[in-house]
Protein backbone atom coordinates (compact mmCIF):
# COMPACT_ATOMS: atom_id res chain seq x y z
CA MET A 1 -407.47 36.79 138.53
CA THR A 2 -408.00 33.38 140.09
CA PRO A 3 -405.85 30.44 138.98
CA SER A 4 -407.67 27.43 137.59
CA SER A 5 -406.09 24.85 135.28
CA VAL A 6 -404.04 25.08 132.13
CA ARG A 7 -406.24 23.69 129.38
CA LEU A 8 -404.45 20.91 127.54
CA VAL A 9 -406.57 21.50 124.44
CA VAL A 10 -405.27 25.09 124.26
CA VAL A 11 -401.71 23.86 124.77
CA ALA A 12 -402.12 21.29 121.98
CA GLU A 13 -403.66 23.80 119.56
CA ARG A 14 -400.99 26.46 120.17
CA THR A 15 -398.19 23.88 119.99
CA ALA A 16 -399.42 22.54 116.65
CA TRP A 17 -399.77 26.10 115.32
CA ILE A 18 -396.27 27.12 116.42
CA ARG A 19 -394.73 24.00 114.92
CA ARG A 20 -396.54 24.55 111.60
CA MET A 21 -395.26 28.13 111.44
CA VAL A 22 -391.70 27.09 112.28
CA GLU A 23 -391.85 24.36 109.66
CA GLY A 24 -393.06 26.94 107.14
CA ILE A 25 -389.94 29.01 107.84
CA ARG A 26 -387.70 25.94 107.55
CA ARG A 27 -389.13 25.22 104.09
CA LEU A 28 -388.01 28.64 102.84
CA PRO A 29 -384.72 28.92 100.91
CA LEU A 30 -382.48 29.89 103.84
CA GLU A 31 -379.18 28.50 102.55
CA SER A 32 -377.94 32.03 101.83
CA LEU A 33 -379.15 35.62 102.01
CA GLU A 34 -378.86 35.89 98.24
CA THR A 35 -381.10 32.87 97.71
CA PHE A 36 -383.59 34.17 100.26
CA LEU A 37 -383.70 37.59 98.57
CA GLY A 38 -384.05 35.99 95.12
CA ASP A 39 -387.83 35.97 95.44
CA PRO A 40 -389.57 38.78 97.34
CA ARG A 41 -392.28 36.35 98.43
CA ASN A 42 -389.74 34.65 100.72
CA ALA A 43 -389.47 37.67 103.00
CA ALA A 44 -393.24 38.10 103.05
CA ALA A 45 -393.72 34.45 103.96
CA ALA A 46 -390.96 34.59 106.57
CA GLU A 47 -392.52 37.64 108.21
CA SER A 48 -395.94 36.03 108.38
CA TYR A 49 -394.72 32.67 109.63
CA LEU A 50 -392.41 34.28 112.19
CA ARG A 51 -394.97 36.73 113.55
CA ARG A 52 -397.61 34.03 113.89
CA ALA A 53 -395.18 31.59 115.55
CA LEU A 54 -394.16 34.27 118.04
CA GLU A 55 -397.75 35.25 118.78
CA GLY A 56 -398.66 31.60 119.34
CA LEU A 57 -395.73 31.12 121.70
CA LEU A 58 -396.48 34.27 123.65
CA ASP A 59 -400.19 33.44 123.81
CA LEU A 60 -399.31 30.01 125.19
CA GLY A 61 -397.18 31.66 127.85
CA ARG A 62 -400.04 34.01 128.72
CA HIS A 63 -402.46 31.08 128.96
CA ILE A 64 -400.15 29.24 131.36
CA LEU A 65 -399.74 32.36 133.47
CA ALA A 66 -403.46 33.13 133.57
CA LYS A 67 -404.78 29.64 134.15
CA GLY A 68 -401.94 28.09 136.08
CA PHE A 69 -401.08 31.04 138.32
CA GLY A 70 -403.84 33.64 138.04
CA THR A 71 -401.27 36.09 136.69
CA ALA A 72 -401.99 38.49 133.86
CA ALA A 73 -399.40 39.60 131.35
CA ALA A 74 -400.92 42.63 129.70
CA GLU A 75 -398.10 42.98 127.20
CA TYR A 76 -396.14 40.34 125.34
CA LYS A 77 -392.85 41.79 126.58
CA ASP A 78 -393.88 40.89 130.16
CA VAL A 79 -394.56 37.20 129.51
CA GLY A 80 -390.93 36.09 129.82
CA SER A 81 -390.31 37.87 133.12
CA LYS A 82 -393.56 36.60 134.64
CA LEU A 83 -392.81 33.02 133.55
CA THR A 84 -389.40 33.45 135.17
CA GLU A 85 -390.97 34.78 138.39
CA HIS A 86 -393.11 31.63 138.60
CA GLY A 87 -390.15 29.34 137.93
CA LEU A 88 -391.20 28.11 134.50
CA LEU A 89 -388.19 29.64 132.80
CA SER A 90 -384.68 30.42 133.98
CA PRO A 91 -383.62 34.07 133.89
CA GLU A 92 -381.74 33.45 130.63
CA GLU A 93 -384.75 31.71 129.09
CA GLY A 94 -386.92 34.63 130.20
CA ARG A 95 -384.53 37.01 128.43
CA ILE A 96 -384.76 34.91 125.27
CA LEU A 97 -388.56 35.08 125.36
CA ARG A 98 -388.43 38.83 125.99
CA ARG A 99 -386.19 39.20 122.90
CA LEU A 100 -388.65 37.10 120.88
CA ALA A 101 -391.49 39.35 122.10
CA GLY A 102 -389.45 42.32 120.92
CA TYR A 103 -389.20 40.77 117.45
CA ARG A 104 -392.95 40.26 117.40
CA ASN A 105 -393.61 43.83 118.48
CA ARG A 106 -391.27 45.19 115.81
CA LEU A 107 -392.95 43.04 113.15
CA VAL A 108 -396.36 44.39 114.14
CA HIS A 109 -395.70 47.99 115.16
CA PHE A 110 -392.47 48.88 113.34
CA TYR A 111 -392.89 46.65 110.29
CA HIS A 112 -391.54 49.38 108.04
CA GLU A 113 -388.20 49.22 109.89
CA VAL A 114 -387.69 45.45 109.60
CA GLY A 115 -385.73 44.77 106.43
CA ASP A 116 -385.51 41.52 104.52
CA ALA A 117 -381.92 40.92 105.66
CA GLU A 118 -383.00 41.22 109.31
CA LEU A 119 -385.84 38.76 108.73
CA TYR A 120 -383.35 36.36 107.20
CA ARG A 121 -381.00 36.78 110.19
CA ILE A 122 -383.79 36.14 112.70
CA CYS A 123 -384.98 33.07 110.78
CA THR A 124 -381.48 31.60 110.49
CA GLU A 125 -380.03 32.60 113.87
CA HIS A 126 -382.98 32.69 116.29
CA LEU A 127 -385.64 30.28 115.00
CA GLU A 128 -384.40 27.56 117.34
CA ASP A 129 -385.11 29.93 120.26
CA VAL A 130 -388.81 29.58 119.44
CA THR A 131 -388.73 25.78 119.61
CA PHE A 132 -386.44 25.86 122.66
CA ILE A 133 -388.86 28.02 124.67
CA LEU A 134 -391.82 25.96 123.44
CA ASP A 135 -390.08 22.80 124.62
CA ARG A 136 -389.37 24.40 128.02
CA LEU A 137 -393.05 25.31 128.46
CA LEU A 138 -394.15 21.82 127.42
CA ALA A 139 -391.65 20.26 129.83
CA TRP A 140 -393.11 22.33 132.67
CA ILE A 141 -396.65 21.23 131.74
CA GLU A 142 -395.52 17.60 131.66
CA ALA A 143 -393.88 17.97 135.07
CA HIS A 144 -396.97 19.60 136.66
CA PRO A 145 -400.00 17.46 135.79
CA GLU A 146 -401.82 18.88 138.82
CA LYS A 147 -402.00 22.24 137.00
CA VAL A 148 -403.51 20.78 133.81
CA ASP A 149 -407.10 20.28 132.72
CA ARG A 150 -407.03 17.35 130.30
CA SER A 151 -410.73 17.45 129.39
CA ILE A 152 -411.76 18.31 125.87
């Protein structure tokens, strides 16, 4: 794979998507587990918003790797380590993204094992990890304008 340029339009679209999904989670009744479990639609909405936010974040990471470095990440679980290898994320940040990829994979492949209480825990204890990693990727893009295609 040959590196080219990270497409700013892709970055903007994925960023807007991720932020909309995170905001959807924040609008859910997360003040307590009991409140969250009070309506079964809350868990369904949380699962959908969370999975789509994680997929958007991981797809953004894959786009940066592919276009900015000519590096493929065949599986979501590899995105964090490859971003770390290229210096976009610290080792700890790479571990956070790998954990987020694990959540996404469980939501997709082991959905029957993810209970409502676990969804609540992820949404209340790890949602900020999504925005933290997004902000780190955006900071790298801002700091490396030579790697960015700003055309529409």
